[in-house]
């Protein structure tokens, strides 16, 4: 038996704010979008490298306030990239955790938290 990759679904409430955060700030790209018809809620996939997220305006898909941990191999490069964008709603820092990881948590406009985690071999 082998498990596959996980694709979290994160609740969003405003398409423009979601694009500003996930695409403009975090550097994800929109892979595809779906609506059952014009004017109905958006469901879309965004990705960056090996990280894939689904963002949904549908009330039954997810609850706001989720936390997702995303593995990263160079947290300092990510931190520098984000700080260079000067996003006015979020300026996350890097923390060294007691269990040996270095982490950067970015809060989206919908109360979801994305924690980028760097684990260095000792």
PDB file of N, CA and C in Angstrom:
ATOM      1  N   UNK A   1       0.845  -1.180   0.000  1.00  0.00           N
ATOM      2  CA  UNK A   1       0.000   0.000   0.000  1.00  0.00           C
ATOM      3  C   UNK A   1       0.884   1.234   0.000  1.00  0.00           C
ATOM      4  N   UNK A   2       0.504   2.226  -0.785  1.00  0.00           N
ATOM      5  CA  UNK A   2       1.252   3.482  -0.854  1.00  0.00           C
ATOM      6  C   UNK A   2       0.267   4.637  -0.910  1.00  0.00           C
ATOM      7  N   UNK A   3       0.454   5.604  -0.038  1.00  0.00           N
ATOM      8  CA  UNK A   3      -0.397   6.799  -0.045  1.00  0.00           C
ATOM      9  C   UNK A   3       0.141   7.805  -1.047  1.00  0.00           C
ATOM     10  N   UNK A   4      -0.747   8.605  -1.588  1.00  0.00           N
ATOM     11  CA  UNK A   4      -0.358   9.632  -2.551  1.00  0.00           C
ATOM     12  C   UNK A   4      -0.226  11.001  -1.906  1.00  0.00           C
ATOM     13  N   UNK A   5      -0.027  11.999  -2.729  1.00  0.00           N
ATOM     14  CA  UNK A   5       0.104  13.373  -2.252  1.00  0.00           C
ATOM     15  C   UNK A   5      -1.211  13.869  -1.657  1.00  0.00           C
ATOM     16  N   UNK A   6      -1.113  14.844  -0.793  1.00  0.00           N
ATOM     17  CA  UNK A   6      -2.263  15.475  -0.166  1.00  0.00           C
ATOM     18  C   UNK A   6      -2.522  16.821  -0.840  1.00  0.00           C
ATOM     19  N   UNK A   7      -3.780  17.130  -1.086  1.00  0.00           N
ATOM     20  CA  UNK A   7      -4.145  18.441  -1.634  1.00  0.00           C
ATOM     21  C   UNK A   7      -5.143  19.086  -0.691  1.00  0.00           C
ATOM     22  N   UNK A   8      -4.674  20.012   0.163  1.00  0.00           N
ATOM     23  CA  UNK A   8      -5.604  20.681   1.073  1.00  0.00           C
ATOM     24  C   UNK A   8      -6.570  21.595   0.319  1.00  0.00           C
ATOM     25  N   UNK A   9      -7.774  21.700   0.858  1.00  0.00           N
ATOM     26  CA  UNK A   9      -8.759  22.654   0.353  1.00  0.00           C
ATOM     27  C   UNK A   9      -8.876  23.757   1.396  1.00  0.00           C
ATOM     28  N   UNK A  10      -8.636  24.986   0.984  1.00  0.00           N
ATOM     29  CA  UNK A  10      -8.711  26.136   1.883  1.00  0.00           C
ATOM     30  C   UNK A  10      -9.893  27.004   1.489  1.00  0.00           C
ATOM     31  N   UNK A  11     -10.635  27.449   2.476  1.00  0.00           N
ATOM     32  CA  UNK A  11     -11.821  28.285   2.258  1.00  0.00           C
ATOM     33  C   UNK A  11     -11.389  29.713   1.980  1.00  0.00           C
ATOM     34  N   UNK A  12     -11.971  30.289   0.939  1.00  0.00           N
ATOM     35  CA  UNK A  12     -11.743  31.698   0.604  1.00  0.00           C
ATOM     36  C   UNK A  12     -13.107  32.376   0.472  1.00  0.00           C
ATOM     37  N   UNK A  13     -13.122  33.708   0.604  1.00  0.00           N
ATOM     38  CA  UNK A  13     -14.379  34.451   0.524  1.00  0.00           C
ATOM     39  C   UNK A  13     -14.360  35.549  -0.525  1.00  0.00           C
ATOM     40  N   UNK A  14     -13.189  35.855  -1.074  1.00  0.00           N
ATOM     41  CA  UNK A  14     -13.052  36.979  -1.992  1.00  0.00           C
ATOM     42  C   UNK A  14     -11.981  36.618  -3.024  1.00  0.00           C
ATOM     43  N   UNK A  15     -12.401  36.472  -4.250  1.00  0.00           N
ATOM     44  CA  UNK A  15     -11.495  36.043  -5.321  1.00  0.00           C
ATOM     45  C   UNK A  15     -10.320  36.997  -5.504  1.00  0.00           C
ATOM     46  N   UNK A  16     -10.573  38.295  -5.506  1.00  0.00           N
ATOM     47  CA  UNK A  16      -9.491  39.265  -5.710  1.00  0.00           C
ATOM     48  C   UNK A  16      -8.461  39.194  -4.585  1.00  0.00           C
ATOM     49  N   UNK A  17      -8.925  39.102  -3.341  1.00  0.00           N
ATOM     50  CA  UNK A  17      -7.999  39.006  -2.208  1.00  0.00           C
ATOM     51  C   UNK A  17      -7.225  37.689  -2.235  1.00  0.00           C
ATOM     52  N   UNK A  18      -7.879  36.606  -2.657  1.00  0.00           N
ATOM     53  CA  UNK A  18      -7.195  35.310  -2.767  1.00  0.00           C
ATOM     54  C   UNK A  18      -6.084  35.386  -3.804  1.00  0.00           C
ATOM     55  N   UNK A  19      -6.356  35.979  -4.948  1.00  0.00           N
ATOM     56  CA  UNK A  19      -5.328  36.108  -5.988  1.00  0.00           C
ATOM     57  C   UNK A  19      -4.176  37.008  -5.512  1.00  0.00           C
ATOM     58  N   UNK A  20      -4.525  38.100  -4.827  1.00  0.00           N
ATOM     59  CA  UNK A  20      -3.488  39.000  -4.324  1.00  0.00           C
ATOM     60  C   UNK A  20      -2.555  38.264  -3.363  1.00  0.00           C
ATOM     61  N   UNK A  21      -3.109  37.438  -2.481  1.00  0.00           N
ATOM     62  CA  UNK A  21      -2.305  36.727  -1.492  1.00  0.00           C
ATOM     63  C   UNK A  21      -1.551  35.548  -2.109  1.00  0.00           C
ATOM     64  N   UNK A  22      -2.287  34.629  -2.734  1.00  0.00           N
ATOM     65  CA  UNK A  22      -1.673  33.383  -3.197  1.00  0.00           C
ATOM     66  C   UNK A  22      -0.814  33.560  -4.448  1.00  0.00           C
ATOM     67  N   UNK A  23      -1.246  34.388  -5.384  1.00  0.00           N
ATOM     68  CA  UNK A  23      -0.512  34.565  -6.641  1.00  0.00           C
ATOM     69  C   UNK A  23       0.511  35.699  -6.522  1.00  0.00           C
ATOM     70  N   UNK A  24       0.041  36.887  -6.184  1.00  0.00           N
ATOM     71  CA  UNK A  24       0.945  38.045  -6.159  1.00  0.00           C
ATOM     72  C   UNK A  24       1.950  37.982  -5.016  1.00  0.00           C
ATOM     73  N   UNK A  25       1.511  37.600  -3.815  1.00  0.00           N
ATOM     74  CA  UNK A  25       2.399  37.586  -2.655  1.00  0.00           C
ATOM     75  C   UNK A  25       3.189  36.284  -2.548  1.00  0.00           C
ATOM     76  N   UNK A  26       2.510  35.138  -2.508  1.00  0.00           N
ATOM     77  CA  UNK A  26       3.218  33.874  -2.299  1.00  0.00           C
ATOM     78  C   UNK A  26       3.841  33.289  -3.567  1.00  0.00           C
ATOM     79  N   UNK A  27       3.458  33.777  -4.721  1.00  0.00           N
ATOM     80  CA  UNK A  27       4.089  33.318  -5.954  1.00  0.00           C
ATOM     81  C   UNK A  27       3.530  32.034  -6.541  1.00  0.00           C
ATOM     82  N   UNK A  28       2.326  31.640  -6.126  1.00  0.00           N
ATOM     83  CA  UNK A  28       1.679  30.487  -6.735  1.00  0.00           C
ATOM     84  C   UNK A  28       1.143  30.889  -8.102  1.00  0.00           C
ATOM     85  N   UNK A  29       0.886  29.904  -8.948  1.00  0.00           N
ATOM     86  CA  UNK A  29       0.236  30.175 -10.234  1.00  0.00           C
ATOM     87  C   UNK A  29      -1.128  29.483 -10.230  1.00  0.00           C
ATOM     88  N   UNK A  30      -2.063  30.051 -10.948  1.00  0.00           N
ATOM     89  CA  UNK A  30      -3.388  29.444 -11.075  1.00  0.00           C
ATOM     90  C   UNK A  30      -3.300  28.369 -12.150  1.00  0.00           C
ATOM     91  N   UNK A  31      -3.595  27.127 -11.773  1.00  0.00           N
ATOM     92  CA  UNK A  31      -3.565  26.011 -12.721  1.00  0.00           C
ATOM     93  C   UNK A  31      -4.886  25.882 -13.468  1.00  0.00           C
ATOM     94  N   UNK A  32      -5.978  26.026 -12.746  1.00  0.00           N
ATOM     95  CA  UNK A  32      -7.303  25.974 -13.354  1.00  0.00           C
ATOM     96  C   UNK A  32      -8.333  26.568 -12.390  1.00  0.00           C
ATOM     97  N   UNK A  33      -9.486  26.908 -12.970  1.00  0.00           N
ATOM     98  CA  UNK A  33     -10.605  27.466 -12.211  1.00  0.00           C
ATOM     99  C   UNK A  33     -11.886  26.768 -12.653  1.00  0.00           C
ATOM    100  N   UNK A  34     -12.850  26.686 -11.726  1.00  0.00           N
ATOM    101  CA  UNK A  34     -14.143  26.089 -12.071  1.00  0.00           C
ATOM    102  C   UNK A  34     -15.262  26.839 -11.348  1.00  0.00           C
ATOM    103  N   UNK A  35     -16.336  27.079 -12.081  1.00  0.00           N
ATOM    104  CA  UNK A  35     -17.602  27.561 -11.535  1.00  0.00           C
ATOM    105  C   UNK A  35     -18.693  26.742 -12.226  1.00  0.00           C
ATOM    106  N   UNK A  36     -19.723  26.393 -11.500  1.00  0.00           N
ATOM    107  CA  UNK A  36     -20.810  25.645 -12.126  1.00  0.00           C
ATOM    108  C   UNK A  36     -21.544  26.495 -13.162  1.00  0.00           C
ATOM    109  N   UNK A  37     -21.565  27.804 -12.928  1.00  0.00           N
ATOM    110  CA  UNK A  37     -22.090  28.758 -13.913  1.00  0.00           C
ATOM    111  C   UNK A  37     -21.641  30.146 -13.472  1.00  0.00           C
ATOM    112  N   UNK A  38     -21.680  31.126 -14.377  1.00  0.00           N
ATOM    113  CA  UNK A  38     -21.243  32.484 -14.003  1.00  0.00           C
ATOM    114  C   UNK A  38     -21.980  32.993 -12.767  1.00  0.00           C
ATOM    115  N   UNK A  39     -21.236  33.645 -11.894  1.00  0.00           N
ATOM    116  CA  UNK A  39     -21.817  34.209 -10.689  1.00  0.00           C
ATOM    117  C   UNK A  39     -21.840  33.263  -9.501  1.00  0.00           C
ATOM    118  N   UNK A  40     -21.544  31.989  -9.717  1.00  0.00           N
ATOM    119  CA  UNK A  40     -21.497  31.035  -8.615  1.00  0.00           C
ATOM    120  C   UNK A  40     -20.094  30.982  -8.019  1.00  0.00           C
ATOM    121  N   UNK A  41     -19.933  30.350  -6.849  1.00  0.00           N
ATOM    122  CA  UNK A  41     -18.638  30.336  -6.178  1.00  0.00           C
ATOM    123  C   UNK A  41     -17.512  29.723  -7.023  1.00  0.00           C
ATOM    124  N   UNK A  42     -16.329  30.238  -6.774  1.00  0.00           N
ATOM    125  CA  UNK A  42     -15.116  29.803  -7.469  1.00  0.00           C
ATOM    126  C   UNK A  42     -14.467  28.630  -6.739  1.00  0.00           C
ATOM    127  N   UNK A  43     -13.944  27.696  -7.503  1.00  0.00           N
ATOM    128  CA  UNK A  43     -13.089  26.614  -6.997  1.00  0.00           C
ATOM    129  C   UNK A  43     -11.880  26.614  -7.915  1.00  0.00           C
ATOM    130  N   UNK A  44     -10.681  26.749  -7.350  1.00  0.00           N
ATOM    131  CA  UNK A  44      -9.510  26.790  -8.219  1.00  0.00           C
ATOM    132  C   UNK A  44      -8.317  26.090  -7.587  1.00  0.00           C
ATOM    133  N   UNK A  45      -7.406  25.692  -8.460  1.00  0.00           N
ATOM    134  CA  UNK A  45      -6.162  25.078  -8.011  1.00  0.00           C
ATOM    135  C   UNK A  45      -5.028  26.051  -8.260  1.00  0.00           C
ATOM    136  N   UNK A  46      -4.179  26.216  -7.233  1.00  0.00           N
ATOM    137  CA  UNK A  46      -2.955  26.993  -7.369  1.00  0.00           C
ATOM    138  C   UNK A  46      -1.786  26.079  -7.009  1.00  0.00           C
ATOM    139  N   UNK A  47      -0.629  26.365  -7.597  1.00  0.00           N
ATOM    140  CA  UNK A  47       0.540  25.549  -7.295  1.00  0.00           C
ATOM    141  C   UNK A  47       1.811  26.368  -7.401  1.00  0.00           C
ATOM    142  N   UNK A  48       2.799  25.858  -6.700  1.00  0.00           N
ATOM    143  CA  UNK A  48       4.149  26.408  -6.796  1.00  0.00           C
ATOM    144  C   UNK A  48       5.083  25.237  -6.527  1.00  0.00           C
ATOM    145  N   UNK A  49       5.914  24.943  -7.504  1.00  0.00           N
ATOM    146  CA  UNK A  49       6.796  23.785  -7.427  1.00  0.00           C
ATOM    147  C   UNK A  49       5.944  22.548  -7.117  1.00  0.00           C
ATOM    148  N   UNK A  50       6.251  21.800  -6.063  1.00  0.00           N
ATOM    149  CA  UNK A  50       5.499  20.590  -5.742  1.00  0.00           C
ATOM    150  C   UNK A  50       4.315  20.809  -4.827  1.00  0.00           C
ATOM    151  N   UNK A  51       4.036  22.052  -4.457  1.00  0.00           N
ATOM    152  CA  UNK A  51       2.939  22.355  -3.535  1.00  0.00           C
ATOM    153  C   UNK A  51       1.677  22.698  -4.334  1.00  0.00           C
ATOM    154  N   UNK A  52       0.607  21.951  -4.082  1.00  0.00           N
ATOM    155  CA  UNK A  52      -0.674  22.170  -4.755  1.00  0.00           C
ATOM    156  C   UNK A  52      -1.726  22.445  -3.689  1.00  0.00           C
ATOM    157  N   UNK A  53      -2.501  23.510  -3.886  1.00  0.00           N
ATOM    158  CA  UNK A  53      -3.589  23.876  -2.981  1.00  0.00           C
ATOM    159  C   UNK A  53      -4.864  24.071  -3.786  1.00  0.00           C
ATOM    160  N   UNK A  54      -5.982  23.708  -3.196  1.00  0.00           N
ATOM    161  CA  UNK A  54      -7.280  24.032  -3.773  1.00  0.00           C
ATOM    162  C   UNK A  54      -7.895  25.132  -2.918  1.00  0.00           C
ATOM    163  N   UNK A  55      -8.431  26.141  -3.579  1.00  0.00           N
ATOM    164  CA  UNK A  55      -9.068  27.275  -2.911  1.00  0.00           C
ATOM    165  C   UNK A  55     -10.541  27.273  -3.307  1.00  0.00           C
ATOM    166  N   UNK A  56     -11.417  27.360  -2.317  1.00  0.00           N
ATOM    167  CA  UNK A  56     -12.838  27.225  -2.599  1.00  0.00           C
ATOM    168  C   UNK A  56     -13.674  28.300  -1.909  1.00  0.00           C
ATOM    169  N   UNK A  57     -14.596  28.874  -2.692  1.00  0.00           N
ATOM    170  CA  UNK A  57     -15.603  29.773  -2.130  1.00  0.00           C
ATOM    171  C   UNK A  57     -16.850  29.010  -1.689  1.00  0.00           C
ATOM    172  N   UNK A  58     -16.924  27.715  -1.944  1.00  0.00           N
ATOM    173  CA  UNK A  58     -18.094  26.902  -1.586  1.00  0.00           C
ATOM    174  C   UNK A  58     -18.140  26.692  -0.073  1.00  0.00           C
ATOM    175  N   UNK A  59     -19.250  27.015   0.557  1.00  0.00           N
ATOM    176  CA  UNK A  59     -19.349  26.954   2.020  1.00  0.00           C
ATOM    177  C   UNK A  59     -19.161  25.549   2.582  1.00  0.00           C
ATOM    178  N   UNK A  60     -19.473  24.516   1.859  1.00  0.00           N
ATOM    179  CA  UNK A  60     -19.365  23.167   2.387  1.00  0.00           C
ATOM    180  C   UNK A  60     -18.008  22.507   2.198  1.00  0.00           C
ATOM    181  N   UNK A  61     -17.090  23.151   1.512  1.00  0.00           N
ATOM    182  CA  UNK A  61     -15.808  22.510   1.201  1.00  0.00           C
ATOM    183  C   UNK A  61     -14.802  22.554   2.341  1.00  0.00           C
ATOM    184  N   UNK A  62     -14.795  23.599   3.110  1.00  0.00           N
ATOM    185  CA  UNK A  62     -13.795  23.743   4.166  1.00  0.00           C
ATOM    186  C   UNK A  62     -14.243  24.846   5.115  1.00  0.00           C
ATOM    187  N   UNK A  63     -13.595  24.896   6.259  1.00  0.00           N
ATOM    188  CA  UNK A  63     -13.864  25.954   7.229  1.00  0.00           C
ATOM    189  C   UNK A  63     -12.683  26.903   7.252  1.00  0.00           C
ATOM    190  N   UNK A  64     -12.927  28.191   7.431  1.00  0.00           N
ATOM    191  CA  UNK A  64     -11.802  29.123   7.551  1.00  0.00           C
ATOM    192  C   UNK A  64     -11.004  28.809   8.816  1.00  0.00           C
ATOM    193  N   UNK A  65      -9.751  29.162   8.812  1.00  0.00           N
ATOM    194  CA  UNK A  65      -8.914  28.962   9.983  1.00  0.00           C
ATOM    195  C   UNK A  65      -8.078  27.700   9.940  1.00  0.00           C
ATOM    196  N   UNK A  66      -7.924  27.109   8.774  1.00  0.00           N
ATOM    197  CA  UNK A  66      -7.099  25.902   8.647  1.00  0.00           C
ATOM    198  C   UNK A  66      -5.619  26.276   8.756  1.00  0.00           C
ATOM    199  N   UNK A  67      -4.800  25.282   9.090  1.00  0.00           N
ATOM    200  CA  UNK A  67      -3.352  25.468   9.109  1.00  0.00           C
ATOM    201  C   UNK A  67      -2.738  24.368   8.263  1.00  0.00           C
ATOM    202  N   UNK A  68      -1.890  24.764   7.322  1.00  0.00           N
ATOM    203  CA  UNK A  68      -1.229  23.830   6.418  1.00  0.00           C
ATOM    204  C   UNK A  68       0.273  23.986   6.601  1.00  0.00           C
ATOM    205  N   UNK A  69       0.980  22.861   6.722  1.00  0.00           N
ATOM    206  CA  UNK A  69       2.445  22.874   6.825  1.00  0.00           C
ATOM    207  C   UNK A  69       3.008  22.452   5.478  1.00  0.00           C
ATOM    208  N   UNK A  70       3.923  23.264   4.952  1.00  0.00           N
ATOM    209  CA  UNK A  70       4.489  23.051   3.619  1.00  0.00           C
ATOM    210  C   UNK A  70       6.005  22.947   3.744  1.00  0.00           C
ATOM    211  N   UNK A  71       6.562  21.842   3.292  1.00  0.00           N
ATOM    212  CA  UNK A  71       8.012  21.653   3.340  1.00  0.00           C
ATOM    213  C   UNK A  71       8.694  22.606   2.359  1.00  0.00           C
ATOM    214  N   UNK A  72       9.817  23.161   2.778  1.00  0.00           N
ATOM    215  CA  UNK A  72      10.594  24.075   1.943  1.00  0.00           C
ATOM    216  C   UNK A  72      12.077  23.809   2.203  1.00  0.00           C
ATOM    217  N   UNK A  73      12.901  23.954   1.174  1.00  0.00           N
ATOM    218  CA  UNK A  73      14.322  23.647   1.350  1.00  0.00           C
ATOM    219  C   UNK A  73      15.189  24.880   1.615  1.00  0.00           C
ATOM    220  N   UNK A  74      14.661  26.074   1.404  1.00  0.00           N
ATOM    221  CA  UNK A  74      15.442  27.294   1.657  1.00  0.00           C
ATOM    222  C   UNK A  74      14.504  28.381   2.177  1.00  0.00           C
ATOM    223  N   UNK A  75      14.269  28.354   3.467  1.00  0.00           N
ATOM    224  CA  UNK A  75      13.318  29.283   4.079  1.00  0.00           C
ATOM    225  C   UNK A  75      13.824  30.725   4.031  1.00  0.00           C
ATOM    226  N   UNK A  76      15.136  30.897   4.056  1.00  0.00           N
ATOM    227  CA  UNK A  76      15.681  32.258   3.983  1.00  0.00           C
ATOM    228  C   UNK A  76      15.410  32.889   2.622  1.00  0.00           C
ATOM    229  N   UNK A  77      15.485  32.097   1.556  1.00  0.00           N
ATOM    230  CA  UNK A  77      15.168  32.613   0.216  1.00  0.00           C
ATOM    231  C   UNK A  77      13.692  32.992   0.135  1.00  0.00           C
ATOM    232  N   UNK A  78      12.816  32.173   0.710  1.00  0.00           N
ATOM    233  CA  UNK A  78      11.384  32.477   0.716  1.00  0.00           C
ATOM    234  C   UNK A  78      11.120  33.750   1.513  1.00  0.00           C
ATOM    235  N   UNK A  79      11.748  33.868   2.663  1.00  0.00           N
ATOM    236  CA  UNK A  79      11.573  35.059   3.494  1.00  0.00           C
ATOM    237  C   UNK A  79      12.018  36.308   2.735  1.00  0.00           C
ATOM    238  N   UNK A  80      13.166  36.256   2.096  1.00  0.00           N
ATOM    239  CA  UNK A  80      13.672  37.408   1.335  1.00  0.00           C
ATOM    240  C   UNK A  80      12.722  37.764   0.191  1.00  0.00           C
ATOM    241  N   UNK A  81      12.206  36.751  -0.495  1.00  0.00           N
ATOM    242  CA  UNK A  81      11.264  36.988  -1.592  1.00  0.00           C
ATOM    243  C   UNK A  81      10.008  37.692  -1.082  1.00  0.00           C
ATOM    244  N   UNK A  82       9.447  37.195   0.018  1.00  0.00           N
ATOM    245  CA  UNK A  82       8.222  37.787   0.549  1.00  0.00           C
ATOM    246  C   UNK A  82       8.456  39.206   1.066  1.00  0.00           C
ATOM    247  N   UNK A  83       9.548  39.418   1.751  1.00  0.00           N
ATOM    248  CA  UNK A  83       9.837  40.763   2.269  1.00  0.00           C
ATOM    249  C   UNK A  83      10.051  41.758   1.126  1.00  0.00           C
ATOM    250  N   UNK A  84      10.617  41.282   0.029  1.00  0.00           N
ATOM    251  CA  UNK A  84      10.837  42.138  -1.131  1.00  0.00           C
ATOM    252  C   UNK A  84       9.554  42.601  -1.787  1.00  0.00           C
ATOM    253  N   UNK A  85       8.473  41.877  -1.575  1.00  0.00           N
ATOM    254  CA  UNK A  85       7.186  42.246  -2.174  1.00  0.00           C
ATOM    255  C   UNK A  85       6.454  43.316  -1.372  1.00  0.00           C
ATOM    256  N   UNK A  86       6.847  43.526  -0.121  1.00  0.00           N
ATOM    257  CA  UNK A  86       6.273  44.565   0.727  1.00  0.00           C
ATOM    258  C   UNK A  86       4.730  44.509   0.744  1.00  0.00           C
ATOM    259  N   UNK A  87       4.201  43.315   0.883  1.00  0.00           N
ATOM    260  CA  UNK A  87       2.755  43.094   0.986  1.00  0.00           C
ATOM    261  C   UNK A  87       2.261  43.748   2.267  1.00  0.00           C
ATOM    262  N   UNK A  88       1.317  44.660   2.152  1.00  0.00           N
ATOM    263  CA  UNK A  88       0.957  45.474   3.310  1.00  0.00           C
ATOM    264  C   UNK A  88       0.181  44.737   4.394  1.00  0.00           C
ATOM    265  N   UNK A  89      -0.350  43.552   4.090  1.00  0.00           N
ATOM    266  CA  UNK A  89      -1.160  42.848   5.081  1.00  0.00           C
ATOM    267  C   UNK A  89      -0.410  41.766   5.846  1.00  0.00           C
ATOM    268  N   UNK A  90       0.829  41.460   5.473  1.00  0.00           N
ATOM    269  CA  UNK A  90       1.522  40.337   6.088  1.00  0.00           C
ATOM    270  C   UNK A  90       3.018  40.468   5.874  1.00  0.00           C
ATOM    271  N   UNK A  91       3.773  40.435   6.941  1.00  0.00           N
ATOM    272  CA  UNK A  91       5.237  40.455   6.874  1.00  0.00           C
ATOM    273  C   UNK A  91       5.762  39.361   7.801  1.00  0.00           C
ATOM    274  N   UNK A  92       5.657  38.100   7.378  1.00  0.00           N
ATOM    275  CA  UNK A  92       6.029  36.996   8.267  1.00  0.00           C
ATOM    276  C   UNK A  92       7.529  36.921   8.517  1.00  0.00           C
ATOM    277  N   UNK A  93       7.882  36.457   9.699  1.00  0.00           N
ATOM    278  CA  UNK A  93       9.279  36.248  10.055  1.00  0.00           C
ATOM    279  C   UNK A  93       9.598  34.765  10.120  1.00  0.00           C
ATOM    280  N   UNK A  94      10.877  34.461  10.270  1.00  0.00           N
ATOM    281  CA  UNK A  94      11.331  33.077  10.396  1.00  0.00           C
ATOM    282  C   UNK A  94      11.588  32.794  11.865  1.00  0.00           C
ATOM    283  N   UNK A  95      11.043  31.677  12.353  1.00  0.00           N
ATOM    284  CA  UNK A  95      11.254  31.263  13.739  1.00  0.00           C
ATOM    285  C   UNK A  95      12.002  29.938  13.777  1.00  0.00           C
ATOM    286  N   UNK A  96      12.933  29.820  14.716  1.00  0.00           N
ATOM    287  CA  UNK A  96      13.578  28.538  14.981  1.00  0.00           C
ATOM    288  C   UNK A  96      12.798  27.880  16.104  1.00  0.00           C
ATOM    289  N   UNK A  97      12.292  26.685  15.825  1.00  0.00           N
ATOM    290  CA  UNK A  97      11.419  26.000  16.775  1.00  0.00           C
ATOM    291  C   UNK A  97      12.228  25.079  17.690  1.00  0.00           C
ATOM    292  N   UNK A  98      11.745  24.817  18.904  1.00  0.00           N
ATOM    293  CA  UNK A  98      12.467  23.958  19.851  1.00  0.00           C
ATOM    294  C   UNK A  98      12.704  22.541  19.325  1.00  0.00           C
ATOM    295  N   UNK A  99      11.896  22.091  18.374  1.00  0.00           N
ATOM    296  CA  UNK A  99      12.044  20.736  17.829  1.00  0.00           C
ATOM    297  C   UNK A  99      12.978  20.691  16.622  1.00  0.00           C
ATOM    298  N   UNK A 100      13.640  21.821  16.318  1.00  0.00           N
ATOM    299  CA  UNK A 100      14.696  21.816  15.316  1.00  0.00           C
ATOM    300  C   UNK A 100      14.336  22.295  13.919  1.00  0.00           C
ATOM    301  N   UNK A 101      13.093  22.668  13.682  1.00  0.00           N
ATOM    302  CA  UNK A 101      12.733  23.194  12.366  1.00  0.00           C
ATOM    303  C   UNK A 101      12.816  24.717  12.374  1.00  0.00           C
ATOM    304  N   UNK A 102      12.892  25.287  11.191  1.00  0.00           N
ATOM    305  CA  UNK A 102      12.754  26.742  11.018  1.00  0.00           C
ATOM    306  C   UNK A 102      11.466  26.942  10.249  1.00  0.00           C
ATOM    307  N   UNK A 103      10.629  27.875  10.728  1.00  0.00           N
ATOM    308  CA  UNK A 103       9.288  28.015  10.175  1.00  0.00           C
ATOM    309  C   UNK A 103       8.931  29.468   9.897  1.00  0.00           C
ATOM    310  N   UNK A 104       8.140  29.648   8.846  1.00  0.00           N
ATOM    311  CA  UNK A 104       7.623  30.953   8.452  1.00  0.00           C
ATOM    312  C   UNK A 104       6.126  30.767   8.233  1.00  0.00           C
ATOM    313  N   UNK A 105       5.311  31.510   8.966  1.00  0.00           N
ATOM    314  CA  UNK A 105       3.852  31.378   8.840  1.00  0.00           C
ATOM    315  C   UNK A 105       3.264  32.640   8.226  1.00  0.00           C
ATOM    316  N   UNK A 106       2.547  32.442   7.121  1.00  0.00           N
ATOM    317  CA  UNK A 106       1.835  33.530   6.452  1.00  0.00           C
ATOM    318  C   UNK A 106       0.338  33.305   6.647  1.00  0.00           C
ATOM    319  N   UNK A 107      -0.364  34.354   7.049  1.00  0.00           N
ATOM    320  CA  UNK A 107      -1.812  34.291   7.284  1.00  0.00           C
ATOM    321  C   UNK A 107      -2.523  34.865   6.066  1.00  0.00           C
ATOM    322  N   UNK A 108      -3.428  34.082   5.487  1.00  0.00           N
ATOM    323  CA  UNK A 108      -4.170  34.606   4.349  1.00  0.00           C
ATOM    324  C   UNK A 108      -5.329  35.484   4.843  1.00  0.00           C
ATOM    325  N   UNK A 109      -6.007  36.186   3.949  1.00  0.00           N
ATOM    326  CA  UNK A 109      -7.095  37.088   4.369  1.00  0.00           C
ATOM    327  C   UNK A 109      -8.321  36.378   4.932  1.00  0.00           C
ATOM    328  N   UNK A 110      -8.316  35.037   4.934  1.00  0.00           N
ATOM    329  CA  UNK A 110      -9.486  34.265   5.342  1.00  0.00           C
ATOM    330  C   UNK A 110      -9.227  33.447   6.605  1.00  0.00           C
ATOM    331  N   UNK A 111      -8.200  33.822   7.366  1.00  0.00           N
ATOM    332  CA  UNK A 111      -7.812  33.207   8.636  1.00  0.00           C
ATOM    333  C   UNK A 111      -7.069  31.881   8.487  1.00  0.00           C
ATOM    334  N   UNK A 112      -6.766  31.464   7.264  1.00  0.00           N
ATOM    335  CA  UNK A 112      -5.960  30.267   7.064  1.00  0.00           C
ATOM    336  C   UNK A 112      -4.497  30.609   7.289  1.00  0.00           C
ATOM    337  N   UNK A 113      -3.735  29.630   7.792  1.00  0.00           N
ATOM    338  CA  UNK A 113      -2.306  29.835   8.053  1.00  0.00           C
ATOM    339  C   UNK A 113      -1.502  28.831   7.232  1.00  0.00           C
ATOM    340  N   UNK A 114      -0.534  29.344   6.497  1.00  0.00           N
ATOM    341  CA  UNK A 114       0.368  28.497   5.729  1.00  0.00           C
ATOM    342  C   UNK A 114       1.735  28.584   6.388  1.00  0.00           C
ATOM    343  N   UNK A 115       2.201  27.480   6.950  1.00  0.00           N
ATOM    344  CA  UNK A 115       3.490  27.447   7.626  1.00  0.00           C
ATOM    345  C   UNK A 115       4.477  26.705   6.747  1.00  0.00           C
ATOM    346  N   UNK A 116       5.483  27.425   6.296  1.00  0.00           N
ATOM    347  CA  UNK A 116       6.563  26.844   5.494  1.00  0.00           C
ATOM    348  C   UNK A 116       7.607  26.332   6.469  1.00  0.00           C
ATOM    349  N   UNK A 117       8.009  25.069   6.313  1.00  0.00           N
ATOM    350  CA  UNK A 117       8.855  24.386   7.284  1.00  0.00           C
ATOM    351  C   UNK A 117      10.135  23.886   6.628  1.00  0.00           C
ATOM    352  N   UNK A 118      11.264  24.326   7.167  1.00  0.00           N
ATOM    353  CA  UNK A 118      12.573  23.864   6.706  1.00  0.00           C
ATOM    354  C   UNK A 118      13.152  22.947   7.768  1.00  0.00           C
ATOM    355  N   UNK A 119      13.502  21.748   7.353  1.00  0.00           N
ATOM    356  CA  UNK A 119      14.133  20.781   8.264  1.00  0.00           C
ATOM    357  C   UNK A 119      15.526  20.502   7.742  1.00  0.00           C
ATOM    358  N   UNK A 120      16.516  20.813   8.543  1.00  0.00           N
ATOM    359  CA  UNK A 120      17.908  20.565   8.157  1.00  0.00           C
ATOM    360  C   UNK A 120      18.393  19.315   8.874  1.00  0.00           C
ATOM    361  N   UNK A 121      19.063  18.444   8.138  1.00  0.00           N
ATOM    362  CA  UNK A 121      19.661  17.260   8.755  1.00  0.00           C
ATOM    363  C   UNK A 121      20.805  17.690   9.639  1.00  0.00           C
ATOM    364  N   UNK A 122      20.893  17.092  10.827  1.00  0.00           N
ATOM    365  CA  UNK A 122      21.949  17.458  11.790  1.00  0.00           C
ATOM    366  C   UNK A 122      23.266  16.808  11.419  1.00  0.00           C
TER     367      UNK A 122
END
